[in-house]
Protein backbone atom coordinates (compact mmCIF):
# COMPACT_ATOMS: atom_id res chain seq x y z
CA UNK A 1 0.00 0.00 0.00
CA UNK A 2 2.82 2.44 0.86
CA UNK A 3 4.54 1.74 -2.46
CA UNK A 4 1.48 2.91 -4.37
CA UNK A 5 1.86 6.45 -2.96
CA UNK A 6 5.50 6.47 -3.98
CA UNK A 7 4.52 6.29 -7.65
CA UNK A 8 2.26 9.32 -7.20
CA UNK A 9 4.70 11.35 -5.14
CA UNK A 10 7.76 10.74 -7.31
CA UNK A 11 6.44 12.59 -10.40
CA UNK A 12 5.07 15.40 -8.24
CA UNK A 13 8.44 15.74 -6.51
CA UNK A 14 10.24 15.81 -9.86
CA UNK A 15 7.94 18.56 -11.15
CA UNK A 16 8.46 20.59 -7.98
CA UNK A 17 12.26 20.24 -8.29
CA UNK A 18 12.18 21.27 -11.95
CA UNK A 19 10.00 24.29 -11.17
CA UNK A 20 12.29 25.29 -8.28
CA UNK A 21 15.39 24.93 -10.47
CA UNK A 22 13.92 27.03 -13.26
CA UNK A 23 12.73 29.68 -10.77
CA UNK A 24 16.26 29.78 -9.34
CA UNK A 25 17.69 30.44 -12.80
CA UNK A 26 15.08 33.09 -13.62
CA UNK A 27 15.46 34.91 -10.29
CA UNK A 28 19.28 34.90 -10.21
CA UNK A 29 20.97 38.28 -10.86
CA UNK A 30 23.27 36.41 -13.25
CA UNK A 31 21.34 33.35 -14.49
CA UNK A 32 24.52 31.81 -15.92
CA UNK A 33 26.09 31.78 -12.45
CA UNK A 34 23.17 29.96 -10.84
CA UNK A 35 24.38 26.53 -9.72
CA UNK A 36 21.49 24.83 -11.53
CA UNK A 37 21.99 26.70 -14.83
CA UNK A 38 23.96 23.85 -16.39
CA UNK A 39 21.73 21.01 -15.20
CA UNK A 40 19.15 21.36 -17.94
CA UNK A 41 18.67 23.60 -20.97
CA UNK A 42 16.42 26.09 -19.12
CA UNK A 43 14.62 28.51 -21.49
CA UNK A 44 15.72 32.14 -21.01
CA UNK A 45 14.50 33.94 -24.14
CA UNK A 46 11.56 32.72 -26.20
CA UNK A 47 9.80 33.67 -29.42
CA UNK A 48 7.02 32.14 -31.44
CA UNK A 49 9.72 29.99 -33.09
CA UNK A 50 11.30 28.49 -29.98
CA UNK A 51 13.56 29.34 -27.07
CA UNK A 52 17.19 30.12 -26.35
CA UNK A 53 18.39 28.06 -23.41
CA UNK A 54 20.95 28.46 -20.65
CA UNK A 55 23.20 25.91 -22.38
CA UNK A 56 23.25 27.92 -25.61
CA UNK A 57 23.82 31.10 -23.63
CA UNK A 58 26.68 29.50 -21.65
CA UNK A 59 28.32 28.26 -24.85
CA UNK A 60 28.04 31.74 -26.41
CA UNK A 61 29.40 33.46 -23.30
CA UNK A 62 32.34 31.04 -23.10
CA UNK A 63 33.20 31.49 -26.78
CA UNK A 64 33.17 35.29 -26.57
CA UNK A 65 35.22 35.25 -23.36
CA UNK A 66 37.87 33.05 -25.00
CA UNK A 67 37.87 35.25 -28.10
CA UNK A 68 38.08 38.45 -26.02
CA UNK A 69 41.00 37.04 -24.03
CA UNK A 70 42.81 36.05 -27.25
CA UNK A 71 42.16 39.53 -28.70
CA UNK A 72 43.11 41.18 -25.39
CA UNK A 73 39.73 42.95 -25.23
CA UNK A 74 36.99 43.17 -22.61
CA UNK A 75 34.41 40.40 -22.95
CA UNK A 76 30.81 41.44 -23.57
CA UNK A 77 28.42 41.11 -20.66
CA UNK A 78 26.05 38.16 -20.36
CA UNK A 79 23.21 40.50 -21.44
CA UNK A 80 25.15 41.44 -24.58
CA UNK A 81 25.78 37.79 -25.44
CA UNK A 82 22.09 37.01 -24.88
CA UNK A 83 21.22 39.92 -27.17
CA UNK A 84 23.47 38.38 -29.82
CA UNK A 85 21.70 35.04 -29.46
CA UNK A 86 18.24 36.65 -29.65
CA UNK A 87 19.27 38.54 -32.77
CA UNK A 88 20.68 35.39 -34.36
CA UNK A 89 17.39 33.69 -33.54
CA UNK A 90 15.49 36.48 -35.31
CA UNK A 91 17.74 36.30 -38.39
CA UNK A 92 17.56 32.50 -38.52
CA UNK A 93 13.77 32.55 -38.61
CA UNK A 94 13.44 35.55 -40.92
CA UNK A 95 12.34 33.42 -43.90
CA UNK A 96 15.44 33.75 -46.02
CA UNK A 97 14.87 33.29 -49.74
CA UNK A 98 18.14 31.38 -50.03
CA UNK A 99 18.95 29.56 -46.77
CA UNK A 100 22.56 29.30 -45.62
CA UNK A 101 24.01 25.80 -45.69
CA UNK A 102 26.90 24.26 -43.75
CA UNK A 103 28.82 24.10 -47.05
CA UNK A 104 28.40 27.88 -47.40
CA UNK A 105 29.88 28.31 -43.93
CA UNK A 106 32.90 26.11 -44.69
CA UNK A 107 33.49 27.92 -47.98
CA UNK A 108 33.25 31.34 -46.28
CA UNK A 109 35.55 30.29 -43.40
CA UNK A 110 38.17 28.79 -45.71
CA UNK A 111 38.07 31.22 -48.65
CA UNK A 112 37.27 34.55 -46.97
CA UNK A 113 38.60 34.13 -43.44
CA UNK A 114 41.35 31.70 -44.44
CA UNK A 115 40.68 29.75 -41.25
CA UNK A 116 41.47 26.09 -41.89
CA UNK A 117 43.55 25.17 -38.85
CA UNK A 118 41.34 23.73 -36.11
CA UNK A 119 43.96 24.31 -33.40
CA UNK A 120 44.11 28.04 -34.19
CA UNK A 121 40.32 28.38 -34.28
CA UNK A 122 40.00 26.44 -31.02
CA UNK A 123 42.64 28.63 -29.37
CA UNK A 124 40.94 31.84 -30.52
CA UNK A 125 37.33 30.83 -29.83
CA UNK A 126 37.27 27.64 -27.79
CA UNK A 127 35.23 26.03 -30.59
CA UNK A 128 35.94 23.23 -33.03
CA UNK A 129 35.77 24.07 -36.74
CA UNK A 130 32.31 22.47 -37.00
CA UNK A 131 31.03 24.42 -33.98
CA UNK A 132 32.66 27.62 -35.23
CA UNK A 133 30.83 27.19 -38.53
CA UNK A 134 27.53 26.37 -36.81
CA UNK A 135 27.58 29.00 -34.06
CA UNK A 136 29.56 31.86 -35.62
CA UNK A 137 29.72 31.66 -39.42
CA UNK A 138 26.18 30.46 -40.21
CA UNK A 139 24.50 33.11 -38.01
CA UNK A 140 26.68 35.79 -39.59
CA UNK A 141 25.83 34.63 -43.11
CA UNK A 142 22.12 34.45 -42.21
CA UNK A 143 22.33 38.00 -40.87
CA UNK A 144 23.94 39.27 -44.03
CA UNK A 145 21.49 37.38 -46.25
CA UNK A 146 18.53 38.81 -44.33
CA UNK A 147 20.07 42.30 -44.38
CA UNK A 148 20.49 42.22 -48.16
CA UNK A 149 17.09 40.62 -48.73
CA UNK A 150 15.37 43.33 -46.67
CA UNK A 151 17.63 46.10 -47.94
CA UNK A 152 18.53 47.12 -44.40
CA UNK A 153 21.29 49.70 -44.20
CA UNK A 154 22.97 48.04 -41.22
CA UNK A 155 22.69 45.02 -38.96
CA UNK A 156 21.11 47.27 -36.31
CA UNK A 157 18.45 48.37 -38.79
CA UNK A 158 17.80 44.74 -39.75
CA UNK A 159 17.32 43.67 -36.14
CA UNK A 160 14.96 46.57 -35.43
CA UNK A 161 12.88 45.48 -38.43
CA UNK A 162 12.85 41.84 -37.34
CA UNK A 163 12.09 42.73 -33.70
CA UNK A 164 9.05 44.64 -34.87
CA UNK A 165 7.73 41.56 -36.65
CA UNK A 166 8.21 38.85 -34.07
CA UNK A 167 7.33 38.52 -30.41
CA UNK A 168 10.37 37.96 -28.15
CA UNK A 169 10.23 37.58 -24.39
CA UNK A 170 13.16 37.52 -21.95
CA UNK A 171 12.24 35.20 -19.07
CA UNK A 172 14.79 36.11 -16.33
CA UNK A 173 12.99 38.47 -13.97
CA UNK A 174 15.58 41.26 -14.19
CA UNK A 175 15.83 41.26 -18.02
CA UNK A 176 13.54 42.64 -20.71
CA UNK A 177 13.57 42.49 -24.50
CA UNK A 178 13.66 46.07 -25.83
CA UNK A 179 11.73 45.78 -29.09
CA UNK A 180 12.71 49.27 -30.27
CA UNK A 181 16.44 48.62 -29.95
CA UNK A 182 16.28 44.83 -30.50
CA UNK A 183 18.33 44.03 -27.41
CA UNK A 184 18.15 42.52 -23.95
CA UNK A 185 18.30 45.14 -21.18
CA UNK A 186 18.09 45.26 -17.38
CA UNK A 187 14.69 46.22 -15.96
C-alpha atoms as a PDB file:
ATOM      1  CA  UNK A   1       0.000   0.000   0.000  1.00  0.00           C
ATOM      2  CA  UNK A   2       2.816   2.437   0.860  1.00  0.00           C
ATOM      3  CA  UNK A   3       4.535   1.745  -2.457  1.00  0.00           C
ATOM      4  CA  UNK A   4       1.481   2.910  -4.368  1.00  0.00           C
ATOM      5  CA  UNK A   5       1.861   6.450  -2.961  1.00  0.00           C
ATOM      6  CA  UNK A   6       5.505   6.471  -3.979  1.00  0.00           C
ATOM      7  CA  UNK A   7       4.520   6.287  -7.653  1.00  0.00           C
ATOM      8  CA  UNK A   8       2.264   9.322  -7.203  1.00  0.00           C
ATOM      9  CA  UNK A   9       4.697  11.353  -5.142  1.00  0.00           C
ATOM     10  CA  UNK A  10       7.759  10.741  -7.308  1.00  0.00           C
ATOM     11  CA  UNK A  11       6.443  12.592 -10.398  1.00  0.00           C
ATOM     12  CA  UNK A  12       5.070  15.403  -8.240  1.00  0.00           C
ATOM     13  CA  UNK A  13       8.443  15.744  -6.511  1.00  0.00           C
ATOM     14  CA  UNK A  14      10.241  15.815  -9.862  1.00  0.00           C
ATOM     15  CA  UNK A  15       7.938  18.564 -11.149  1.00  0.00           C
ATOM     16  CA  UNK A  16       8.461  20.592  -7.980  1.00  0.00           C
ATOM     17  CA  UNK A  17      12.258  20.236  -8.286  1.00  0.00           C
ATOM     18  CA  UNK A  18      12.178  21.270 -11.946  1.00  0.00           C
ATOM     19  CA  UNK A  19      10.003  24.290 -11.169  1.00  0.00           C
ATOM     20  CA  UNK A  20      12.285  25.291  -8.281  1.00  0.00           C
ATOM     21  CA  UNK A  21      15.389  24.934 -10.474  1.00  0.00           C
ATOM     22  CA  UNK A  22      13.919  27.031 -13.256  1.00  0.00           C
ATOM     23  CA  UNK A  23      12.726  29.679 -10.773  1.00  0.00           C
ATOM     24  CA  UNK A  24      16.262  29.783  -9.341  1.00  0.00           C
ATOM     25  CA  UNK A  25      17.690  30.437 -12.804  1.00  0.00           C
ATOM     26  CA  UNK A  26      15.083  33.093 -13.621  1.00  0.00           C
ATOM     27  CA  UNK A  27      15.461  34.914 -10.292  1.00  0.00           C
ATOM     28  CA  UNK A  28      19.275  34.904 -10.209  1.00  0.00           C
ATOM     29  CA  UNK A  29      20.966  38.276 -10.857  1.00  0.00           C
ATOM     30  CA  UNK A  30      23.265  36.408 -13.251  1.00  0.00           C
ATOM     31  CA  UNK A  31      21.341  33.351 -14.490  1.00  0.00           C
ATOM     32  CA  UNK A  32      24.519  31.806 -15.918  1.00  0.00           C
ATOM     33  CA  UNK A  33      26.093  31.780 -12.450  1.00  0.00           C
ATOM     34  CA  UNK A  34      23.166  29.965 -10.838  1.00  0.00           C
ATOM     35  CA  UNK A  35      24.381  26.527  -9.724  1.00  0.00           C
ATOM     36  CA  UNK A  36      21.486  24.828 -11.528  1.00  0.00           C
ATOM     37  CA  UNK A  37      21.994  26.703 -14.833  1.00  0.00           C
ATOM     38  CA  UNK A  38      23.959  23.846 -16.389  1.00  0.00           C
ATOM     39  CA  UNK A  39      21.731  21.009 -15.197  1.00  0.00           C
ATOM     40  CA  UNK A  40      19.155  21.360 -17.944  1.00  0.00           C
ATOM     41  CA  UNK A  41      18.671  23.600 -20.969  1.00  0.00           C
ATOM     42  CA  UNK A  42      16.423  26.085 -19.121  1.00  0.00           C
ATOM     43  CA  UNK A  43      14.620  28.508 -21.490  1.00  0.00           C
ATOM     44  CA  UNK A  44      15.721  32.136 -21.007  1.00  0.00           C
ATOM     45  CA  UNK A  45      14.496  33.941 -24.144  1.00  0.00           C
ATOM     46  CA  UNK A  46      11.562  32.725 -26.205  1.00  0.00           C
ATOM     47  CA  UNK A  47       9.803  33.670 -29.418  1.00  0.00           C
ATOM     48  CA  UNK A  48       7.020  32.143 -31.440  1.00  0.00           C
ATOM     49  CA  UNK A  49       9.717  29.990 -33.093  1.00  0.00           C
ATOM     50  CA  UNK A  50      11.305  28.491 -29.981  1.00  0.00           C
ATOM     51  CA  UNK A  51      13.562  29.336 -27.068  1.00  0.00           C
ATOM     52  CA  UNK A  52      17.188  30.118 -26.350  1.00  0.00           C
ATOM     53  CA  UNK A  53      18.392  28.056 -23.405  1.00  0.00           C
ATOM     54  CA  UNK A  54      20.951  28.463 -20.655  1.00  0.00           C
ATOM     55  CA  UNK A  55      23.200  25.913 -22.379  1.00  0.00           C
ATOM     56  CA  UNK A  56      23.248  27.919 -25.613  1.00  0.00           C
ATOM     57  CA  UNK A  57      23.821  31.097 -23.634  1.00  0.00           C
ATOM     58  CA  UNK A  58      26.677  29.498 -21.647  1.00  0.00           C
ATOM     59  CA  UNK A  59      28.318  28.258 -24.847  1.00  0.00           C
ATOM     60  CA  UNK A  60      28.037  31.738 -26.408  1.00  0.00           C
ATOM     61  CA  UNK A  61      29.395  33.457 -23.302  1.00  0.00           C
ATOM     62  CA  UNK A  62      32.341  31.040 -23.099  1.00  0.00           C
ATOM     63  CA  UNK A  63      33.200  31.492 -26.776  1.00  0.00           C
ATOM     64  CA  UNK A  64      33.166  35.288 -26.574  1.00  0.00           C
ATOM     65  CA  UNK A  65      35.218  35.251 -23.365  1.00  0.00           C
ATOM     66  CA  UNK A  66      37.870  33.050 -25.000  1.00  0.00           C
ATOM     67  CA  UNK A  67      37.874  35.249 -28.103  1.00  0.00           C
ATOM     68  CA  UNK A  68      38.083  38.448 -26.022  1.00  0.00           C
ATOM     69  CA  UNK A  69      41.003  37.043 -24.032  1.00  0.00           C
ATOM     70  CA  UNK A  70      42.811  36.048 -27.253  1.00  0.00           C
ATOM     71  CA  UNK A  71      42.161  39.526 -28.698  1.00  0.00           C
ATOM     72  CA  UNK A  72      43.109  41.185 -25.386  1.00  0.00           C
ATOM     73  CA  UNK A  73      39.733  42.954 -25.229  1.00  0.00           C
ATOM     74  CA  UNK A  74      36.987  43.170 -22.613  1.00  0.00           C
ATOM     75  CA  UNK A  75      34.410  40.402 -22.950  1.00  0.00           C
ATOM     76  CA  UNK A  76      30.811  41.441 -23.571  1.00  0.00           C
ATOM     77  CA  UNK A  77      28.423  41.105 -20.656  1.00  0.00           C
ATOM     78  CA  UNK A  78      26.045  38.163 -20.359  1.00  0.00           C
ATOM     79  CA  UNK A  79      23.210  40.496 -21.443  1.00  0.00           C
ATOM     80  CA  UNK A  80      25.147  41.440 -24.578  1.00  0.00           C
ATOM     81  CA  UNK A  81      25.780  37.788 -25.439  1.00  0.00           C
ATOM     82  CA  UNK A  82      22.089  37.011 -24.875  1.00  0.00           C
ATOM     83  CA  UNK A  83      21.218  39.922 -27.174  1.00  0.00           C
ATOM     84  CA  UNK A  84      23.474  38.379 -29.824  1.00  0.00           C
ATOM     85  CA  UNK A  85      21.697  35.040 -29.464  1.00  0.00           C
ATOM     86  CA  UNK A  86      18.244  36.650 -29.652  1.00  0.00           C
ATOM     87  CA  UNK A  87      19.267  38.544 -32.775  1.00  0.00           C
ATOM     88  CA  UNK A  88      20.680  35.388 -34.357  1.00  0.00           C
ATOM     89  CA  UNK A  89      17.387  33.691 -33.540  1.00  0.00           C
ATOM     90  CA  UNK A  90      15.487  36.477 -35.313  1.00  0.00           C
ATOM     91  CA  UNK A  91      17.735  36.296 -38.393  1.00  0.00           C
ATOM     92  CA  UNK A  92      17.564  32.498 -38.524  1.00  0.00           C
ATOM     93  CA  UNK A  93      13.770  32.548 -38.615  1.00  0.00           C
ATOM     94  CA  UNK A  94      13.439  35.551 -40.918  1.00  0.00           C
ATOM     95  CA  UNK A  95      12.342  33.416 -43.899  1.00  0.00           C
ATOM     96  CA  UNK A  96      15.440  33.746 -46.020  1.00  0.00           C
ATOM     97  CA  UNK A  97      14.874  33.290 -49.739  1.00  0.00           C
ATOM     98  CA  UNK A  98      18.145  31.384 -50.030  1.00  0.00           C
ATOM     99  CA  UNK A  99      18.953  29.557 -46.772  1.00  0.00           C
ATOM    100  CA  UNK A 100      22.563  29.304 -45.623  1.00  0.00           C
ATOM    101  CA  UNK A 101      24.006  25.803 -45.689  1.00  0.00           C
ATOM    102  CA  UNK A 102      26.903  24.257 -43.748  1.00  0.00           C
ATOM    103  CA  UNK A 103      28.819  24.099 -47.046  1.00  0.00           C
ATOM    104  CA  UNK A 104      28.402  27.880 -47.397  1.00  0.00           C
ATOM    105  CA  UNK A 105      29.884  28.308 -43.929  1.00  0.00           C
ATOM    106  CA  UNK A 106      32.898  26.113 -44.692  1.00  0.00           C
ATOM    107  CA  UNK A 107      33.493  27.922 -47.984  1.00  0.00           C
ATOM    108  CA  UNK A 108      33.254  31.340 -46.282  1.00  0.00           C
ATOM    109  CA  UNK A 109      35.551  30.292 -43.403  1.00  0.00           C
ATOM    110  CA  UNK A 110      38.170  28.792 -45.709  1.00  0.00           C
ATOM    111  CA  UNK A 111      38.068  31.224 -48.650  1.00  0.00           C
ATOM    112  CA  UNK A 112      37.273  34.549 -46.975  1.00  0.00           C
ATOM    113  CA  UNK A 113      38.597  34.126 -43.440  1.00  0.00           C
ATOM    114  CA  UNK A 114      41.348  31.697 -44.445  1.00  0.00           C
ATOM    115  CA  UNK A 115      40.679  29.750 -41.248  1.00  0.00           C
ATOM    116  CA  UNK A 116      41.472  26.094 -41.886  1.00  0.00           C
ATOM    117  CA  UNK A 117      43.554  25.172 -38.854  1.00  0.00           C
ATOM    118  CA  UNK A 118      41.344  23.726 -36.108  1.00  0.00           C
ATOM    119  CA  UNK A 119      43.964  24.314 -33.400  1.00  0.00           C
ATOM    120  CA  UNK A 120      44.105  28.045 -34.195  1.00  0.00           C
ATOM    121  CA  UNK A 121      40.315  28.377 -34.279  1.00  0.00           C
ATOM    122  CA  UNK A 122      40.000  26.437 -31.015  1.00  0.00           C
ATOM    123  CA  UNK A 123      42.636  28.626 -29.370  1.00  0.00           C
ATOM    124  CA  UNK A 124      40.939  31.843 -30.520  1.00  0.00           C
ATOM    125  CA  UNK A 125      37.327  30.827 -29.825  1.00  0.00           C
ATOM    126  CA  UNK A 126      37.272  27.637 -27.786  1.00  0.00           C
ATOM    127  CA  UNK A 127      35.226  26.032 -30.586  1.00  0.00           C
ATOM    128  CA  UNK A 128      35.943  23.232 -33.031  1.00  0.00           C
ATOM    129  CA  UNK A 129      35.767  24.073 -36.743  1.00  0.00           C
ATOM    130  CA  UNK A 130      32.305  22.474 -37.000  1.00  0.00           C
ATOM    131  CA  UNK A 131      31.033  24.416 -33.976  1.00  0.00           C
ATOM    132  CA  UNK A 132      32.658  27.619 -35.230  1.00  0.00           C
ATOM    133  CA  UNK A 133      30.827  27.192 -38.530  1.00  0.00           C
ATOM    134  CA  UNK A 134      27.530  26.369 -36.808  1.00  0.00           C
ATOM    135  CA  UNK A 135      27.584  29.003 -34.055  1.00  0.00           C
ATOM    136  CA  UNK A 136      29.560  31.857 -35.618  1.00  0.00           C
ATOM    137  CA  UNK A 137      29.715  31.662 -39.419  1.00  0.00           C
ATOM    138  CA  UNK A 138      26.181  30.456 -40.209  1.00  0.00           C
ATOM    139  CA  UNK A 139      24.503  33.114 -38.005  1.00  0.00           C
ATOM    140  CA  UNK A 140      26.684  35.793 -39.588  1.00  0.00           C
ATOM    141  CA  UNK A 141      25.833  34.633 -43.112  1.00  0.00           C
ATOM    142  CA  UNK A 142      22.124  34.445 -42.210  1.00  0.00           C
ATOM    143  CA  UNK A 143      22.328  37.996 -40.865  1.00  0.00           C
ATOM    144  CA  UNK A 144      23.937  39.269 -44.032  1.00  0.00           C
ATOM    145  CA  UNK A 145      21.494  37.377 -46.250  1.00  0.00           C
ATOM    146  CA  UNK A 146      18.529  38.811 -44.327  1.00  0.00           C
ATOM    147  CA  UNK A 147      20.069  42.304 -44.375  1.00  0.00           C
ATOM    148  CA  UNK A 148      20.487  42.217 -48.156  1.00  0.00           C
ATOM    149  CA  UNK A 149      17.087  40.620 -48.731  1.00  0.00           C
ATOM    150  CA  UNK A 150      15.372  43.329 -46.665  1.00  0.00           C
ATOM    151  CA  UNK A 151      17.631  46.098 -47.944  1.00  0.00           C
ATOM    152  CA  UNK A 152      18.532  47.124 -44.402  1.00  0.00           C
ATOM    153  CA  UNK A 153      21.288  49.704 -44.203  1.00  0.00           C
ATOM    154  CA  UNK A 154      22.969  48.035 -41.222  1.00  0.00           C
ATOM    155  CA  UNK A 155      22.687  45.023 -38.961  1.00  0.00           C
ATOM    156  CA  UNK A 156      21.114  47.271 -36.309  1.00  0.00           C
ATOM    157  CA  UNK A 157      18.454  48.371 -38.793  1.00  0.00           C
ATOM    158  CA  UNK A 158      17.802  44.740 -39.753  1.00  0.00           C
ATOM    159  CA  UNK A 159      17.324  43.672 -36.140  1.00  0.00           C
ATOM    160  CA  UNK A 160      14.958  46.567 -35.427  1.00  0.00           C
ATOM    161  CA  UNK A 161      12.876  45.479 -38.431  1.00  0.00           C
ATOM    162  CA  UNK A 162      12.852  41.841 -37.336  1.00  0.00           C
ATOM    163  CA  UNK A 163      12.091  42.726 -33.700  1.00  0.00           C
ATOM    164  CA  UNK A 164       9.049  44.644 -34.867  1.00  0.00           C
ATOM    165  CA  UNK A 165       7.731  41.562 -36.652  1.00  0.00           C
ATOM    166  CA  UNK A 166       8.210  38.849 -34.066  1.00  0.00           C
ATOM    167  CA  UNK A 167       7.330  38.524 -30.414  1.00  0.00           C
ATOM    168  CA  UNK A 168      10.374  37.963 -28.154  1.00  0.00           C
ATOM    169  CA  UNK A 169      10.229  37.580 -24.388  1.00  0.00           C
ATOM    170  CA  UNK A 170      13.163  37.518 -21.945  1.00  0.00           C
ATOM    171  CA  UNK A 171      12.243  35.197 -19.073  1.00  0.00           C
ATOM    172  CA  UNK A 172      14.790  36.114 -16.334  1.00  0.00           C
ATOM    173  CA  UNK A 173      12.993  38.469 -13.968  1.00  0.00           C
ATOM    174  CA  UNK A 174      15.582  41.256 -14.195  1.00  0.00           C
ATOM    175  CA  UNK A 175      15.835  41.258 -18.021  1.00  0.00           C
ATOM    176  CA  UNK A 176      13.536  42.637 -20.709  1.00  0.00           C
ATOM    177  CA  UNK A 177      13.573  42.495 -24.500  1.00  0.00           C
ATOM    178  CA  UNK A 178      13.663  46.071 -25.827  1.00  0.00           C
ATOM    179  CA  UNK A 179      11.732  45.784 -29.085  1.00  0.00           C
ATOM    180  CA  UNK A 180      12.707  49.275 -30.273  1.00  0.00           C
ATOM    181  CA  UNK A 181      16.441  48.623 -29.946  1.00  0.00           C
ATOM    182  CA  UNK A 182      16.283  44.833 -30.498  1.00  0.00           C
ATOM    183  CA  UNK A 183      18.333  44.027 -27.414  1.00  0.00           C
ATOM    184  CA  UNK A 184      18.153  42.518 -23.950  1.00  0.00           C
ATOM    185  CA  UNK A 185      18.295  45.140 -21.185  1.00  0.00           C
ATOM    186  CA  UNK A 186      18.094  45.261 -17.376  1.00  0.00           C
ATOM    187  CA  UNK A 187      14.692  46.220 -15.962  1.00  0.00           C
END
